[in-house]
Amino acid sequence: MKKFAVVLSGNGVYDGAEIHEATMTLYAIMKNGGEYEIFAPDIPQHHVINHITGEEMKESRNVLIESARIARGNIKALSEFDAAGFDAIIFPGGFGAAKNLSSFAFDGADCTVNPDVEKSILAMVKAGKPIGALCISPAIMAKVLQGAELTIGSDKETAEAIEKMGATHKTTTHGEVVIDEAFKLVTTPCYMLDATILNIADGADNVIKTMIGM
């Protein structure tokens, strides 16, 4: 049974982890005979968005505590992650990946990546273990893994920012995956396209199957 570390970035598409992508990732792991443990950085959320109006709210939240909602409380701080205990690591999308795990939403190609996020990715590369990234999360990989080949779908502006960081972007559609053999990196676009939850399920399933095959 392959064990996956799943890294979340909060709770909700506009300021945290995309809930459909997170849920379908967990489902795909178990459906394909794996198991998982959920992590998130113990840091303040960049901001809080009202998911009905799209407006910023005057309150503060914690990424780990918000991610625990999706994890049903069974979660650990990403600082506790040990690559030796896992066969793979995967990052669902949502704006939290670009706002909390990194600053890509604000700084584009000049973004920074949370130290615990970067450490976990590099530890898995060093161990030769697969890495998965959905939706906008591949932008993090472009920053950390110089020269990686990946996808965020077909958004031209985002693809240009990714290539400015030294990555090679491949245009994809629903459910398609891009594999970087050198980094054992598997990516798919999910809600970076105009998608349904069925498309998300297909994308997550294809990524997990590919990672297990590695």
C-alpha atoms as a PDB file:
ATOM      1  CA  MET A   1       0.000   0.000   0.000  1.00  0.00           C
ATOM      2  CA  LYS A   2       1.498   3.303  -1.131  1.00  0.00           C
ATOM      3  CA  LYS A   3       1.369   6.148   1.383  1.00  0.00           C
ATOM      4  CA  PHE A   4       0.753   9.689   0.144  1.00  0.00           C
ATOM      5  CA  ALA A   5       1.363  12.969   1.920  1.00  0.00           C
ATOM      6  CA  VAL A   6      -1.369  15.429   0.879  1.00  0.00           C
ATOM      7  CA  VAL A   7      -0.495  19.089   1.429  1.00  0.00           C
ATOM      8  CA  LEU A   8      -3.390  21.533   1.829  1.00  0.00           C
ATOM      9  CA  SER A   9      -3.366  25.331   1.830  1.00  0.00           C
ATOM     10  CA  GLY A  10      -6.503  26.233   3.751  1.00  0.00           C
ATOM     11  CA  ASN A  11     -10.193  25.644   3.119  1.00  0.00           C
ATOM     12  CA  GLY A  12     -11.902  27.160   0.072  1.00  0.00           C
ATOM     13  CA  VAL A  13     -10.931  27.948  -3.499  1.00  0.00           C
ATOM     14  CA  TYR A  14     -10.388  31.726  -3.192  1.00  0.00           C
ATOM     15  CA  ASP A  15      -8.129  31.762  -0.136  1.00  0.00           C
ATOM     16  CA  GLY A  16      -7.191  28.131   0.548  1.00  0.00           C
ATOM     17  CA  ALA A  17      -7.299  24.618  -0.864  1.00  0.00           C
ATOM     18  CA  GLU A  18      -9.864  23.865  -3.577  1.00  0.00           C
ATOM     19  CA  ILE A  19     -12.210  21.512  -1.745  1.00  0.00           C
ATOM     20  CA  HIS A  20     -13.281  19.417  -4.737  1.00  0.00           C
ATOM     21  CA  GLU A  21      -9.652  18.895  -5.766  1.00  0.00           C
ATOM     22  CA  ALA A  22      -8.618  18.017  -2.222  1.00  0.00           C
ATOM     23  CA  THR A  23     -11.518  15.600  -1.755  1.00  0.00           C
ATOM     24  CA  MET A  24     -11.127  13.925  -5.135  1.00  0.00           C
ATOM     25  CA  THR A  25      -7.401  13.518  -4.474  1.00  0.00           C
ATOM     26  CA  LEU A  26      -8.094  11.727  -1.197  1.00  0.00           C
ATOM     27  CA  TYR A  27     -10.743   9.582  -2.884  1.00  0.00           C
ATOM     28  CA  ALA A  28      -8.423   8.688  -5.791  1.00  0.00           C
ATOM     29  CA  ILE A  29      -5.648   7.646  -3.406  1.00  0.00           C
ATOM     30  CA  MET A  30      -7.893   5.198  -1.557  1.00  0.00           C
ATOM     31  CA  LYS A  31      -9.691   4.050  -4.716  1.00  0.00           C
ATOM     32  CA  ASN A  32      -6.338   3.025  -6.171  1.00  0.00           C
ATOM     33  CA  GLY A  33      -5.245   1.116  -3.094  1.00  0.00           C
ATOM     34  CA  GLY A  34      -3.222   3.791  -1.324  1.00  0.00           C
ATOM     35  CA  GLU A  35      -3.430   5.563   2.006  1.00  0.00           C
ATOM     36  CA  TYR A  36      -2.774   9.154   2.968  1.00  0.00           C
ATOM     37  CA  GLU A  37      -1.797  11.574   5.692  1.00  0.00           C
ATOM     38  CA  ILE A  38      -2.706  15.255   5.463  1.00  0.00           C
ATOM     39  CA  PHE A  39      -0.406  18.192   6.161  1.00  0.00           C
ATOM     40  CA  ALA A  40      -0.548  21.993   6.007  1.00  0.00           C
ATOM     41  CA  PRO A  41       1.817  24.746   7.097  1.00  0.00           C
ATOM     42  CA  ASP A  42       1.059  26.244  10.518  1.00  0.00           C
ATOM     43  CA  ILE A  43       1.005  29.852   9.311  1.00  0.00           C
ATOM     44  CA  PRO A  44      -1.447  32.759   9.058  1.00  0.00           C
ATOM     45  CA  GLN A  45      -3.603  32.742   5.945  1.00  0.00           C
ATOM     46  CA  HIS A  46      -2.748  35.623   3.577  1.00  0.00           C
ATOM     47  CA  HIS A  47      -6.338  36.885   3.775  1.00  0.00           C
ATOM     48  CA  VAL A  48      -9.906  35.625   4.110  1.00  0.00           C
ATOM     49  CA  ILE A  49     -12.355  35.836   1.208  1.00  0.00           C
ATOM     50  CA  ASN A  50     -16.151  35.758   1.412  1.00  0.00           C
ATOM     51  CA  HIS A  51     -16.885  32.928  -1.019  1.00  0.00           C
ATOM     52  CA  ILE A  52     -20.322  34.356  -1.897  1.00  0.00           C
ATOM     53  CA  THR A  53     -19.334  37.962  -2.671  1.00  0.00           C
ATOM     54  CA  GLY A  54     -15.647  37.506  -3.472  1.00  0.00           C
ATOM     55  CA  GLU A  55     -14.819  40.350  -1.083  1.00  0.00           C
ATOM     56  CA  GLU A  56     -12.013  40.313   1.465  1.00  0.00           C
ATOM     57  CA  MET A  57     -13.158  39.955   5.066  1.00  0.00           C
ATOM     58  CA  LYS A  58     -11.717  41.736   8.087  1.00  0.00           C
ATOM     59  CA  GLU A  59     -10.537  38.686   9.991  1.00  0.00           C
ATOM     60  CA  SER A  60      -7.541  36.395  10.159  1.00  0.00           C
ATOM     61  CA  ARG A  61      -7.327  32.608   9.982  1.00  0.00           C
ATOM     62  CA  ASN A  62      -4.642  29.926  10.238  1.00  0.00           C
ATOM     63  CA  VAL A  63      -3.827  27.675   7.274  1.00  0.00           C
ATOM     64  CA  LEU A  64      -3.388  24.532   9.397  1.00  0.00           C
ATOM     65  CA  ILE A  65      -6.607  25.094  11.351  1.00  0.00           C
ATOM     66  CA  GLU A  66      -8.606  25.822   8.192  1.00  0.00           C
ATOM     67  CA  SER A  67      -7.142  22.790   6.395  1.00  0.00           C
ATOM     68  CA  ALA A  68      -8.185  20.657   9.367  1.00  0.00           C
ATOM     69  CA  ARG A  69     -11.796  21.206   8.276  1.00  0.00           C
ATOM     70  CA  ILE A  70     -11.151  19.158   5.120  1.00  0.00           C
ATOM     71  CA  ALA A  71      -9.002  16.676   7.038  1.00  0.00           C
ATOM     72  CA  ARG A  72     -11.742  16.178   9.657  1.00  0.00           C
ATOM     73  CA  GLY A  73      -9.166  17.142  12.276  1.00  0.00           C
ATOM     74  CA  ASN A  74      -6.673  14.436  11.314  1.00  0.00           C
ATOM     75  CA  ILE A  75      -3.808  16.643  10.172  1.00  0.00           C
ATOM     76  CA  LYS A  76      -0.223  17.568  11.012  1.00  0.00           C
ATOM     77  CA  ALA A  77       1.882  20.693  10.574  1.00  0.00           C
ATOM     78  CA  LEU A  78       3.986  20.467   7.422  1.00  0.00           C
ATOM     79  CA  SER A  79       7.078  21.136   9.550  1.00  0.00           C
ATOM     80  CA  GLU A  80       6.627  17.568  10.871  1.00  0.00           C
ATOM     81  CA  PHE A  81       6.771  15.980   7.399  1.00  0.00           C
ATOM     82  CA  ASP A  82       9.437  13.300   6.971  1.00  0.00           C
ATOM     83  CA  ALA A  83       9.992  12.043   3.419  1.00  0.00           C
ATOM     84  CA  ALA A  84      11.190   8.688   4.757  1.00  0.00           C
ATOM     85  CA  GLY A  85       7.665   7.855   5.887  1.00  0.00           C
ATOM     86  CA  PHE A  86       5.965   8.383   2.514  1.00  0.00           C
ATOM     87  CA  ASP A  87       6.002   7.023  -1.022  1.00  0.00           C
ATOM     88  CA  ALA A  88       4.675  10.208  -2.670  1.00  0.00           C
ATOM     89  CA  ILE A  89       3.516  13.767  -2.008  1.00  0.00           C
ATOM     90  CA  ILE A  90       0.714  15.671  -3.714  1.00  0.00           C
ATOM     91  CA  PHE A  91      -0.534  19.265  -3.704  1.00  0.00           C
ATOM     92  CA  PRO A  92      -4.181  19.987  -4.600  1.00  0.00           C
ATOM     93  CA  GLY A  93      -4.831  23.446  -6.027  1.00  0.00           C
ATOM     94  CA  GLY A  94      -6.909  26.449  -5.028  1.00  0.00           C
ATOM     95  CA  PHE A  95      -5.687  30.023  -4.607  1.00  0.00           C
ATOM     96  CA  GLY A  96      -4.201  29.029  -1.257  1.00  0.00           C
ATOM     97  CA  ALA A  97      -1.371  27.365  -3.178  1.00  0.00           C
ATOM     98  CA  ALA A  98      -0.616  30.718  -4.786  1.00  0.00           C
ATOM     99  CA  LYS A  99      -1.348  32.852  -1.701  1.00  0.00           C
ATOM    100  CA  ASN A 100      -0.364  30.769   1.340  1.00  0.00           C
ATOM    101  CA  LEU A 101       2.055  28.095   0.087  1.00  0.00           C
ATOM    102  CA  SER A 102       3.703  30.651  -2.187  1.00  0.00           C
ATOM    103  CA  SER A 103       3.287  34.269  -3.273  1.00  0.00           C
ATOM    104  CA  PHE A 104       2.677  33.425  -6.940  1.00  0.00           C
ATOM    105  CA  ALA A 105      -0.738  35.135  -6.973  1.00  0.00           C
ATOM    106  CA  PHE A 106       0.899  38.445  -6.112  1.00  0.00           C
ATOM    107  CA  ASP A 107       4.472  38.234  -7.396  1.00  0.00           C
ATOM    108  CA  GLY A 108       4.223  35.923 -10.411  1.00  0.00           C
ATOM    109  CA  ALA A 109       7.617  34.705 -11.566  1.00  0.00           C
ATOM    110  CA  ASP A 110       9.283  36.640  -8.724  1.00  0.00           C
ATOM    111  CA  CYS A 111       7.351  34.687  -6.098  1.00  0.00           C
ATOM    112  CA  THR A 112       8.692  33.046  -2.982  1.00  0.00           C
ATOM    113  CA  VAL A 113       7.726  29.621  -1.629  1.00  0.00           C
ATOM    114  CA  ASN A 114       6.978  28.757   1.986  1.00  0.00           C
ATOM    115  CA  PRO A 115      10.147  27.158   3.468  1.00  0.00           C
ATOM    116  CA  ASP A 116       8.365  24.021   4.713  1.00  0.00           C
ATOM    117  CA  VAL A 117       6.727  23.547   1.318  1.00  0.00           C
ATOM    118  CA  GLU A 118      10.045  23.873  -0.490  1.00  0.00           C
ATOM    119  CA  LYS A 119      11.757  21.570   2.001  1.00  0.00           C
ATOM    120  CA  SER A 120       9.132  18.842   1.549  1.00  0.00           C
ATOM    121  CA  ILE A 121       9.368  18.973  -2.248  1.00  0.00           C
ATOM    122  CA  LEU A 122      13.158  18.854  -2.319  1.00  0.00           C
ATOM    123  CA  ALA A 123      13.214  16.013   0.219  1.00  0.00           C
ATOM    124  CA  MET A 124      11.026  13.905  -2.057  1.00  0.00           C
ATOM    125  CA  VAL A 125      13.169  14.735  -5.092  1.00  0.00           C
ATOM    126  CA  LYS A 126      16.277  13.699  -3.181  1.00  0.00           C
ATOM    127  CA  ALA A 127      14.567  10.437  -2.207  1.00  0.00           C
ATOM    128  CA  GLY A 128      13.503   9.795  -5.803  1.00  0.00           C
ATOM    129  CA  LYS A 129       9.806   9.711  -4.902  1.00  0.00           C
ATOM    130  CA  PRO A 130       6.879  11.007  -7.005  1.00  0.00           C
ATOM    131  CA  ILE A 131       5.369  14.475  -6.622  1.00  0.00           C
ATOM    132  CA  GLY A 132       1.893  15.458  -7.799  1.00  0.00           C
ATOM    133  CA  ALA A 133       0.463  18.939  -8.342  1.00  0.00           C
ATOM    134  CA  LEU A 134      -3.045  19.958  -9.423  1.00  0.00           C
ATOM    135  CA  CYS A 135      -4.485  23.186 -10.825  1.00  0.00           C
ATOM    136  CA  ILE A 136      -2.265  26.183  -9.897  1.00  0.00           C
ATOM    137  CA  SER A 137       0.044  24.161  -7.615  1.00  0.00           C
ATOM    138  CA  PRO A 138       2.425  23.373 -10.523  1.00  0.00           C
ATOM    139  CA  ALA A 139       3.487  27.040 -10.301  1.00  0.00           C
ATOM    140  CA  ILE A 140       5.141  26.151  -6.996  1.00  0.00           C
ATOM    141  CA  MET A 141       6.996  23.316  -8.703  1.00  0.00           C
ATOM    142  CA  ALA A 142       8.194  25.682 -11.424  1.00  0.00           C
ATOM    143  CA  LYS A 143       9.812  27.832  -8.754  1.00  0.00           C
ATOM    144  CA  VAL A 144      11.337  25.012  -6.680  1.00  0.00           C
ATOM    145  CA  LEU A 145      12.272  22.532  -9.418  1.00  0.00           C
ATOM    146  CA  GLN A 146      14.273  24.466 -11.971  1.00  0.00           C
ATOM    147  CA  GLY A 147      13.643  23.314 -15.529  1.00  0.00           C
ATOM    148  CA  ALA A 148      10.636  21.116 -14.704  1.00  0.00           C
ATOM    149  CA  GLU A 149       8.118  20.165 -17.382  1.00  0.00           C
ATOM    150  CA  LEU A 150       4.521  20.670 -16.233  1.00  0.00           C
ATOM    151  CA  THR A 151       1.035  21.984 -16.991  1.00  0.00           C
ATOM    152  CA  ILE A 152      -1.571  24.375 -15.640  1.00  0.00           C
ATOM    153  CA  GLY A 153      -3.848  23.795 -18.639  1.00  0.00           C
ATOM    154  CA  SER A 154      -4.048  26.496 -21.299  1.00  0.00           C
ATOM    155  CA  ASP A 155      -4.022  29.890 -19.551  1.00  0.00           C
ATOM    156  CA  LYS A 156      -1.493  31.907 -21.536  1.00  0.00           C
ATOM    157  CA  GLU A 157      -0.580  34.485 -18.878  1.00  0.00           C
ATOM    158  CA  THR A 158       0.001  31.881 -16.160  1.00  0.00           C
ATOM    159  CA  ALA A 159       1.960  29.671 -18.562  1.00  0.00           C
ATOM    160  CA  GLU A 160       4.204  32.612 -19.469  1.00  0.00           C
ATOM    161  CA  ALA A 161       4.929  33.314 -15.786  1.00  0.00           C
ATOM    162  CA  ILE A 162       5.757  29.651 -15.265  1.00  0.00           C
ATOM    163  CA  GLU A 163       8.127  29.605 -18.225  1.00  0.00           C
ATOM    164  CA  LYS A 164       9.739  32.798 -16.930  1.00  0.00           C
ATOM    165  CA  MET A 165      10.711  30.772 -13.855  1.00  0.00           C
ATOM    166  CA  GLY A 166      12.553  28.337 -16.117  1.00  0.00           C
ATOM    167  CA  ALA A 167       9.945  25.592 -16.454  1.00  0.00           C
ATOM    168  CA  THR A 168       8.573  24.122 -19.680  1.00  0.00           C
ATOM    169  CA  HIS A 169       4.797  24.418 -19.925  1.00  0.00           C
ATOM    170  CA  LYS A 170       2.684  21.911 -21.866  1.00  0.00           C
ATOM    171  CA  THR A 171      -0.873  22.833 -22.887  1.00  0.00           C
ATOM    172  CA  THR A 172      -3.414  20.250 -21.716  1.00  0.00           C
ATOM    173  CA  THR A 173      -7.144  19.725 -21.379  1.00  0.00           C
ATOM    174  CA  HIS A 174      -9.406  17.896 -18.923  1.00  0.00           C
ATOM    175  CA  GLY A 175      -7.907  14.832 -17.265  1.00  0.00           C
ATOM    176  CA  GLU A 176      -4.598  15.020 -19.111  1.00  0.00           C
ATOM    177  CA  VAL A 177      -1.347  14.732 -17.185  1.00  0.00           C
ATOM    178  CA  VAL A 178       2.178  15.906 -17.898  1.00  0.00           C
ATOM    179  CA  ILE A 179       5.024  13.796 -16.566  1.00  0.00           C
ATOM    180  CA  ASP A 180       8.508  15.077 -15.822  1.00  0.00           C
ATOM    181  CA  GLU A 181      10.543  11.890 -15.602  1.00  0.00           C
ATOM    182  CA  ALA A 182      13.623  13.542 -14.074  1.00  0.00           C
ATOM    183  CA  PHE A 183      11.753  14.996 -11.091  1.00  0.00           C
ATOM    184  CA  LYS A 184       9.039  12.284 -11.056  1.00  0.00           C
ATOM    185  CA  LEU A 185       6.579  15.190 -11.202  1.00  0.00           C
ATOM    186  CA  VAL A 186       2.996  14.638 -12.383  1.00  0.00           C
ATOM    187  CA  THR A 187       0.694  17.614 -13.049  1.00  0.00           C
ATOM    188  CA  THR A 188      -2.858  18.193 -14.332  1.00  0.00           C
ATOM    189  CA  PRO A 189      -4.937  21.386 -14.814  1.00  0.00           C
ATOM    190  CA  CYS A 190      -8.227  20.689 -12.937  1.00  0.00           C
ATOM    191  CA  TYR A 191     -10.016  24.009 -12.239  1.00  0.00           C
ATOM    192  CA  MET A 192      -7.465  26.028 -14.191  1.00  0.00           C
ATOM    193  CA  LEU A 193      -9.853  25.013 -16.985  1.00  0.00           C
ATOM    194  CA  ASP A 194     -13.627  25.498 -17.080  1.00  0.00           C
ATOM    195  CA  ALA A 195     -14.225  22.168 -15.363  1.00  0.00           C
ATOM    196  CA  THR A 196     -16.876  20.132 -13.581  1.00  0.00           C
ATOM    197  CA  ILE A 197     -16.367  17.956 -10.531  1.00  0.00           C
ATOM    198  CA  LEU A 198     -16.328  14.951 -12.891  1.00  0.00           C
ATOM    199  CA  ASN A 199     -13.340  16.476 -14.700  1.00  0.00           C
ATOM    200  CA  ILE A 200     -11.643  17.008 -11.340  1.00  0.00           C
ATOM    201  CA  ALA A 201     -12.216  13.382 -10.396  1.00  0.00           C
ATOM    202  CA  ASP A 202     -10.701  12.232 -13.697  1.00  0.00           C
ATOM    203  CA  GLY A 203      -7.664  14.476 -13.313  1.00  0.00           C
ATOM    204  CA  ALA A 204      -6.978  13.425  -9.731  1.00  0.00           C
ATOM    205  CA  ASP A 205      -7.441   9.757 -10.594  1.00  0.00           C
ATOM    206  CA  ASN A 206      -5.065   9.967 -13.558  1.00  0.00           C
ATOM    207  CA  VAL A 207      -2.413  11.711 -11.476  1.00  0.00           C
ATOM    208  CA  ILE A 208      -2.632   9.184  -8.652  1.00  0.00           C
ATOM    209  CA  LYS A 209      -2.529   6.211 -11.016  1.00  0.00           C
ATOM    210  CA  THR A 210       0.531   7.675 -12.750  1.00  0.00           C
ATOM    211  CA  MET A 211       2.288   8.320  -9.438  1.00  0.00           C
ATOM    212  CA  ILE A 212       1.580   4.798  -8.168  1.00  0.00           C
ATOM    213  CA  GLY A 213       2.949   3.446 -11.460  1.00  0.00           C
ATOM    214  CA  MET A 214       6.229   5.198 -10.727  1.00  0.00           C
END
